[in-house]
N, C-alpha and C. Protein backbone atom coordinates (compact mmCIF):
# COMPACT_ATOMS: atom_id res chain seq x y z
N MET A 1 49.21 13.15 16.91
CA MET A 1 49.44 11.87 16.02
C MET A 1 50.37 11.31 16.54
N ALA A 2 51.44 12.18 16.78
CA ALA A 2 52.76 11.58 16.93
C ALA A 2 52.13 10.68 18.05
N LYS A 3 51.44 10.79 19.14
CA LYS A 3 51.62 10.11 20.53
C LYS A 3 50.85 8.88 20.30
N LEU A 4 50.12 8.87 18.89
CA LEU A 4 49.41 7.72 18.50
C LEU A 4 50.38 6.76 17.86
N ARG A 5 51.24 7.20 17.07
CA ARG A 5 52.39 6.43 16.48
C ARG A 5 53.03 5.79 17.57
N GLY A 6 53.75 6.47 18.47
CA GLY A 6 54.00 6.19 19.70
C GLY A 6 53.62 5.14 20.26
N MET A 7 52.14 5.39 20.25
CA MET A 7 51.47 3.85 20.99
C MET A 7 51.27 2.24 20.40
N TRP A 8 51.34 2.96 18.84
CA TRP A 8 51.12 2.11 18.17
C TRP A 8 52.44 0.81 18.16
N ALA A 9 53.83 1.65 17.87
CA ALA A 9 54.73 1.10 18.14
C ALA A 9 55.28 0.41 19.56
N ALA A 10 54.59 0.76 20.36
CA ALA A 10 54.83 0.12 21.58
C ALA A 10 54.18 -0.88 21.51
N LEU A 11 53.08 -1.18 20.90
CA LEU A 11 52.83 -2.65 20.94
C LEU A 11 53.37 -3.90 20.17
N ARG A 12 52.95 -4.69 21.00
CA ARG A 12 53.89 -5.73 20.42
C ARG A 12 52.95 -6.48 18.57
N SER A 13 53.69 -7.48 17.88
CA SER A 13 53.11 -7.74 17.19
C SER A 13 51.95 -8.23 16.84
N GLU A 14 51.75 -9.29 17.88
CA GLU A 14 50.12 -10.13 18.28
C GLU A 14 49.57 -8.97 18.84
N GLN A 15 49.89 -8.04 19.29
CA GLN A 15 48.81 -6.91 19.78
C GLN A 15 48.03 -6.23 18.73
N ARG A 16 48.99 -6.02 18.04
CA ARG A 16 49.06 -5.20 16.92
C ARG A 16 48.14 -5.78 15.88
N GLY A 17 47.81 -6.87 15.59
CA GLY A 17 46.76 -8.07 14.71
C GLY A 17 45.53 -7.94 15.54
N ALA A 18 46.01 -8.28 17.25
CA ALA A 18 44.26 -8.09 18.00
C ALA A 18 43.36 -6.87 17.37
N LEU A 19 44.27 -6.18 17.85
CA LEU A 19 43.82 -4.45 17.37
C LEU A 19 43.07 -4.18 16.23
N LEU A 20 43.52 -4.70 15.08
CA LEU A 20 43.15 -4.81 13.61
C LEU A 20 42.15 -5.68 13.24
N ALA A 21 42.02 -6.63 14.17
CA ALA A 21 41.21 -7.64 13.86
C ALA A 21 39.78 -7.25 14.68
N GLU A 22 39.93 -6.31 15.87
CA GLU A 22 38.99 -5.74 16.50
C GLU A 22 38.11 -4.58 15.69
N ILE A 23 39.14 -4.02 14.99
CA ILE A 23 38.74 -2.54 14.31
C ILE A 23 37.78 -2.91 13.21
N VAL A 24 38.22 -3.92 12.79
CA VAL A 24 37.42 -5.03 11.28
C VAL A 24 36.27 -5.12 11.71
N MET A 25 36.46 -5.75 12.85
CA MET A 25 34.85 -6.68 13.73
C MET A 25 34.26 -5.10 13.74
N VAL A 26 33.87 -3.91 14.42
CA VAL A 26 33.69 -2.88 14.93
C VAL A 26 33.08 -2.42 13.08
N ILE A 27 33.63 -2.43 12.40
CA ILE A 27 33.48 -1.66 11.08
C ILE A 27 32.66 -2.40 10.31
N ALA A 28 32.55 -3.99 10.73
CA ALA A 28 31.61 -4.83 10.16
C ALA A 28 30.00 -4.33 10.72
N THR A 29 30.15 -4.23 11.92
CA THR A 29 28.92 -4.83 12.78
C THR A 29 28.36 -3.42 12.73
N PHE A 30 29.03 -1.74 12.44
CA PHE A 30 28.23 -0.97 12.22
C PHE A 30 27.90 -0.78 10.83
N THR A 31 28.22 -1.49 9.59
CA THR A 31 28.37 -1.67 8.15
C THR A 31 26.71 -2.72 8.27
N LEU A 32 26.96 -3.56 9.09
CA LEU A 32 25.53 -4.51 8.73
C LEU A 32 24.52 -3.68 9.53
N LEU A 33 24.54 -3.23 10.49
CA LEU A 33 23.36 -2.19 11.80
C LEU A 33 23.10 -1.23 10.11
N GLY A 34 23.84 -0.19 9.66
CA GLY A 34 23.33 0.61 8.81
C GLY A 34 22.74 -0.24 7.65
N THR A 35 23.30 -1.11 7.30
CA THR A 35 22.52 -1.62 6.33
C THR A 35 20.71 -2.15 6.39
N GLY A 36 20.82 -2.39 7.54
CA GLY A 36 19.79 -3.43 8.53
C GLY A 36 18.49 -1.78 8.78
N VAL A 37 18.88 -0.68 8.72
CA VAL A 37 18.10 0.30 9.18
C VAL A 37 17.71 1.19 7.75
N LEU A 38 18.37 1.07 6.84
CA LEU A 38 18.58 1.73 5.40
C LEU A 38 17.11 0.61 4.74
N ALA A 39 17.53 -0.69 5.28
CA ALA A 39 16.07 -1.89 4.28
C ALA A 39 14.90 -1.44 4.93
N GLY A 40 14.90 -1.36 6.73
CA GLY A 40 13.92 -0.91 6.89
C GLY A 40 13.18 0.31 7.05
N LEU A 41 13.88 1.33 6.45
CA LEU A 41 13.43 2.39 5.96
C LEU A 41 12.89 2.10 4.54
N GLN A 42 13.79 1.97 3.91
CA GLN A 42 13.03 1.41 2.33
C GLN A 42 11.52 0.71 2.45
N THR A 43 11.78 -0.21 3.54
CA THR A 43 10.09 -1.58 3.48
C THR A 43 8.84 -0.27 4.21
N ALA A 44 9.51 0.73 5.05
CA ALA A 44 8.29 1.37 5.34
C ALA A 44 7.90 2.42 4.80
N TYR A 45 8.87 2.72 3.52
CA TYR A 45 8.26 4.00 2.65
C TYR A 45 7.38 2.81 1.58
N ARG A 46 7.31 1.77 1.18
CA ARG A 46 7.22 1.15 0.58
C ARG A 46 5.49 1.05 0.55
N THR A 47 5.82 0.14 2.11
CA THR A 47 4.34 -0.26 2.70
C THR A 47 3.97 1.26 2.82
N LYS A 48 4.06 2.48 3.06
CA LYS A 48 3.39 3.57 3.47
C LYS A 48 2.74 4.29 2.02
N GLY A 49 2.91 3.75 0.92
CA GLY A 49 2.38 4.29 -0.41
C GLY A 49 1.31 3.06 -0.48
N GLN A 50 1.34 1.38 -0.22
CA GLN A 50 0.64 1.28 -0.33
C GLN A 50 -0.67 1.09 0.54
N VAL A 51 -0.61 1.76 1.87
CA VAL A 51 -1.71 1.86 2.68
C VAL A 51 -2.26 3.05 2.07
N GLU A 52 -2.00 4.28 1.54
CA GLU A 52 -2.81 5.12 0.96
C GLU A 52 -3.60 4.60 -0.27
N VAL A 53 -2.72 3.86 -1.11
CA VAL A 53 -3.59 3.38 -2.28
C VAL A 53 -4.83 2.96 -1.67
N VAL A 54 -5.05 2.07 -0.73
CA VAL A 54 -5.61 0.89 -0.02
C VAL A 54 -6.74 1.95 0.89
N ALA A 55 -6.33 3.21 1.36
CA ALA A 55 -7.17 4.11 1.95
C ALA A 55 -8.09 4.92 0.91
N THR A 56 -7.34 5.28 0.13
CA THR A 56 -7.85 6.17 -0.91
C THR A 56 -8.83 5.30 -1.71
N THR A 57 -8.34 3.96 -1.54
CA THR A 57 -9.63 3.39 -2.79
C THR A 57 -10.79 2.88 -1.89
N GLU A 58 -10.72 2.61 -0.53
CA GLU A 58 -11.69 2.28 0.29
C GLU A 58 -12.47 3.47 0.77
N ASN A 59 -12.51 5.01 0.55
CA ASN A 59 -12.87 6.11 0.46
C ASN A 59 -13.78 6.06 -0.75
N ILE A 60 -12.98 5.96 -1.76
CA ILE A 60 -13.34 6.14 -3.63
C ILE A 60 -14.80 5.19 -3.26
N ILE A 61 -14.89 3.95 -2.58
CA ILE A 61 -15.79 2.84 -2.76
C ILE A 61 -16.81 3.32 -1.89
N ARG A 62 -16.79 3.83 -0.87
CA ARG A 62 -18.00 4.43 0.29
C ARG A 62 -18.74 5.76 -0.53
N ASN A 63 -17.87 6.63 -1.09
CA ASN A 63 -18.44 7.74 -1.92
C ASN A 63 -19.35 7.12 -2.78
N GLN A 64 -18.92 6.48 -4.01
CA GLN A 64 -19.32 5.44 -4.70
C GLN A 64 -20.93 5.08 -4.40
N LEU A 65 -20.61 4.37 -3.42
CA LEU A 65 -22.08 3.70 -2.76
C LEU A 65 -22.97 4.54 -2.19
N ALA A 66 -22.42 5.41 -1.49
CA ALA A 66 -23.39 6.26 -1.27
C ALA A 66 -24.23 6.91 -2.51
N TYR A 67 -23.46 7.40 -3.19
CA TYR A 67 -23.84 8.28 -4.46
C TYR A 67 -24.46 7.70 -5.11
N VAL A 68 -24.48 6.26 -5.56
CA VAL A 68 -25.68 5.09 -6.19
C VAL A 68 -26.77 4.91 -5.27
N PHE A 69 -26.63 4.81 -4.03
CA PHE A 69 -27.83 4.29 -3.20
C PHE A 69 -28.81 6.24 -3.35
N GLU A 70 -27.86 6.94 -3.42
CA GLU A 70 -28.94 8.56 -3.69
C GLU A 70 -29.66 8.57 -4.77
N GLN A 71 -29.30 7.91 -5.88
CA GLN A 71 -29.79 8.32 -6.92
C GLN A 71 -31.18 7.20 -7.41
N ALA A 72 -32.14 7.64 -8.09
CA ALA A 72 -33.15 7.01 -8.21
C ALA A 72 -33.01 5.87 -8.47
N TYR A 73 -33.67 4.81 -8.51
CA TYR A 73 -33.92 3.31 -8.87
C TYR A 73 -34.08 2.93 -10.06
N ALA A 74 -33.03 2.16 -11.20
CA ALA A 74 -33.66 2.05 -12.25
C ALA A 74 -33.36 0.79 -12.16
N SER A 75 -33.96 0.54 -13.60
CA SER A 75 -34.41 -1.07 -13.60
C SER A 75 -32.91 -1.93 -13.80
N PRO A 76 -32.89 -3.05 -13.50
CA PRO A 76 -31.76 -3.78 -13.62
C PRO A 76 -30.76 -3.68 -15.19
N ARG A 77 -29.52 -3.69 -14.68
CA ARG A 77 -28.78 -3.34 -15.68
C ARG A 77 -28.73 -1.97 -16.53
N ALA A 78 -29.19 -0.96 -15.51
CA ALA A 78 -29.30 0.37 -16.10
C ALA A 78 -27.86 1.20 -15.65
N ASP A 79 -27.67 2.19 -16.14
CA ASP A 79 -26.05 2.50 -15.54
C ASP A 79 -26.61 3.51 -14.47
N TYR A 80 -25.45 3.91 -13.36
CA TYR A 80 -25.76 4.78 -12.76
C TYR A 80 -24.58 6.24 -12.60
N LEU A 81 -24.95 7.14 -12.24
CA LEU A 81 -23.57 8.33 -12.29
C LEU A 81 -22.25 7.57 -11.43
N ASP A 82 -21.34 7.91 -11.84
CA ASP A 82 -19.88 7.50 -10.97
C ASP A 82 -19.53 8.71 -10.54
N ILE A 83 -18.86 8.58 -9.54
CA ILE A 83 -18.46 10.45 -8.83
C ILE A 83 -16.64 10.30 -9.59
N THR A 84 -15.95 10.90 -9.45
CA THR A 84 -15.03 11.86 -10.22
C THR A 84 -13.59 11.10 -9.23
N PRO A 85 -12.96 10.13 -9.60
CA PRO A 85 -11.73 9.22 -8.52
C PRO A 85 -11.01 10.28 -8.38
N PRO A 86 -10.18 10.31 -7.56
CA PRO A 86 -8.96 10.89 -8.11
C PRO A 86 -7.71 10.61 -8.70
N THR A 87 -6.69 11.56 -9.28
CA THR A 87 -5.65 10.91 -10.42
C THR A 87 -5.29 9.83 -10.22
N GLY A 88 -4.85 8.69 -10.98
CA GLY A 88 -5.16 7.59 -11.16
C GLY A 88 -5.22 6.51 -10.91
N PHE A 89 -6.53 6.94 -10.21
CA PHE A 89 -7.35 5.97 -10.00
C PHE A 89 -8.78 5.84 -10.54
N THR A 90 -9.14 4.57 -11.09
CA THR A 90 -10.24 4.47 -12.10
C THR A 90 -11.24 3.46 -11.45
N LEU A 91 -12.54 4.01 -11.71
CA LEU A 91 -13.69 3.43 -10.81
C LEU A 91 -14.71 2.66 -12.60
N THR A 92 -15.13 1.47 -11.69
CA THR A 92 -15.90 1.11 -12.67
C THR A 92 -17.09 1.00 -11.66
N THR A 93 -18.45 0.96 -11.76
CA THR A 93 -19.51 0.46 -11.34
C THR A 93 -20.38 -0.38 -12.14
N ASP A 94 -21.04 -1.44 -11.89
CA ASP A 94 -21.46 -2.45 -12.63
C ASP A 94 -22.83 -2.74 -11.92
N ILE A 95 -23.95 -2.85 -12.53
CA ILE A 95 -25.45 -2.91 -12.16
C ILE A 95 -25.55 -4.39 -12.89
N LEU A 96 -25.70 -5.44 -11.77
CA LEU A 96 -26.15 -6.77 -12.33
C LEU A 96 -27.34 -7.35 -11.58
N THR A 97 -27.93 -8.09 -12.51
CA THR A 97 -29.54 -8.56 -11.92
C THR A 97 -29.37 -9.67 -10.72
N TYR A 98 -30.06 -9.94 -9.67
CA TYR A 98 -29.70 -10.44 -8.51
C TYR A 98 -30.53 -11.69 -8.58
N SER A 99 -31.60 -11.73 -9.48
CA SER A 99 -32.31 -12.51 -9.35
C SER A 99 -33.18 -12.72 -10.46
N THR A 100 -33.63 -14.11 -11.08
CA THR A 100 -34.11 -14.42 -12.49
C THR A 100 -35.38 -13.33 -13.00
N THR A 101 -36.00 -13.04 -11.88
CA THR A 101 -37.03 -11.99 -11.93
C THR A 101 -36.55 -10.81 -12.42
N SER A 102 -36.58 -9.84 -13.34
CA SER A 102 -36.67 -8.31 -13.30
C SER A 102 -37.01 -7.40 -12.87
N THR A 103 -38.51 -7.76 -12.45
CA THR A 103 -39.70 -7.33 -11.82
C THR A 103 -39.34 -6.90 -10.05
N ASP A 104 -38.52 -7.66 -9.48
CA ASP A 104 -38.53 -7.85 -8.23
C ASP A 104 -37.80 -6.72 -7.26
N GLY A 105 -37.07 -5.61 -8.64
CA GLY A 105 -36.66 -4.30 -7.70
C GLY A 105 -35.28 -4.63 -7.07
N ILE A 106 -34.48 -6.23 -7.72
CA ILE A 106 -33.43 -6.52 -6.46
C ILE A 106 -32.12 -6.44 -7.34
N GLU A 107 -31.49 -5.80 -7.25
CA GLU A 107 -30.03 -5.73 -8.31
C GLU A 107 -28.76 -5.79 -7.40
N ARG A 108 -27.65 -6.33 -8.01
CA ARG A 108 -26.28 -6.19 -7.28
C ARG A 108 -25.52 -5.09 -7.77
N VAL A 109 -24.96 -4.67 -6.95
CA VAL A 109 -24.09 -3.07 -7.37
C VAL A 109 -22.50 -3.87 -7.23
N ARG A 110 -21.71 -3.90 -8.14
CA ARG A 110 -20.36 -4.00 -7.83
C ARG A 110 -19.14 -3.10 -8.47
N ILE A 111 -18.60 -2.56 -7.20
CA ILE A 111 -17.89 -1.36 -7.84
C ILE A 111 -16.50 -2.00 -7.59
N SER A 112 -15.71 -1.69 -8.72
CA SER A 112 -13.99 -2.04 -8.84
C SER A 112 -13.55 -0.78 -8.90
N VAL A 113 -12.24 -0.41 -8.37
CA VAL A 113 -11.20 0.55 -7.78
C VAL A 113 -9.43 0.19 -8.58
N ALA A 114 -9.48 0.55 -9.45
CA ALA A 114 -8.21 0.28 -10.34
C ALA A 114 -6.95 1.53 -10.03
N TYR A 115 -6.14 1.11 -9.81
CA TYR A 115 -4.67 2.20 -9.42
C TYR A 115 -3.98 1.92 -10.39
N ALA A 116 -3.50 2.60 -11.02
CA ALA A 116 -1.97 2.43 -12.24
C ALA A 116 -2.64 1.38 -13.14
N GLY A 117 -3.79 1.15 -13.10
CA GLY A 117 -4.23 -0.39 -14.12
C GLY A 117 -4.14 -1.62 -13.31
N ALA A 118 -3.91 -1.10 -12.13
CA ALA A 118 -4.42 -2.93 -11.38
C ALA A 118 -5.58 -3.09 -10.56
N THR A 119 -6.19 -3.67 -10.29
CA THR A 119 -7.38 -3.72 -9.14
C THR A 119 -6.92 -3.51 -8.13
N VAL A 120 -7.44 -2.55 -7.46
CA VAL A 120 -7.17 -2.71 -6.06
C VAL A 120 -8.27 -3.51 -5.35
N ARG A 121 -9.35 -2.92 -5.36
CA ARG A 121 -10.59 -3.45 -4.58
C ARG A 121 -11.93 -3.47 -5.59
N THR A 122 -12.61 -5.20 -5.21
CA THR A 122 -13.95 -5.00 -5.70
C THR A 122 -14.61 -5.24 -4.67
N TYR A 123 -16.25 -4.43 -4.76
CA TYR A 123 -16.90 -4.38 -3.24
C TYR A 123 -18.40 -5.15 -4.12
N GLU A 124 -18.97 -5.84 -3.41
CA GLU A 124 -20.74 -5.89 -4.25
C GLU A 124 -21.79 -6.01 -2.74
N THR A 125 -22.62 -5.17 -3.61
CA THR A 125 -23.65 -5.29 -2.31
C THR A 125 -25.11 -5.45 -3.20
N VAL A 126 -26.17 -5.65 -2.28
CA VAL A 126 -27.36 -5.78 -3.45
C VAL A 126 -28.35 -4.24 -2.81
N ARG A 127 -29.16 -3.73 -4.13
CA ARG A 127 -29.99 -2.59 -3.90
C ARG A 127 -31.22 -3.10 -4.44
N VAL A 128 -32.27 -3.04 -3.15
CA VAL A 128 -33.55 -3.31 -3.14
C VAL A 128 -34.48 -1.79 -3.83
N ASN A 129 -35.31 -2.03 -4.68
CA ASN A 129 -36.16 -0.46 -4.68
C ASN A 129 -37.11 -0.48 -3.67
N GLN A 130 -37.35 0.23 -3.09
CA GLN A 130 -38.51 0.22 -2.01
C GLN A 130 -38.84 1.65 -2.38
């Protein structure tokens, strides 16, 4: 420590000021870099959660579509059974008539998945009675 004090005392006042300015600039640079890294980590963490919700939603839709198509055809506007979604997700399956004649055996299947009360995805397809 005494050696450092001796070096500091040996510097002229202009050199001391320049050294202090350089130290302040280095500290400011590291602070900005640290803030940028932390902001990036926070964004990555938030995005990870959103990707997980979307991936789970797509799996729910795929499983529900397979389950609906495995069930026996019911007349249009009938209800099909739903799978049990994971905790936090809600699943709604609507069967809508596709054409004006209800005897042609064509219906529209709409599946909506919501997470935390907000709809994440809605998917529609057509089912034909064969």
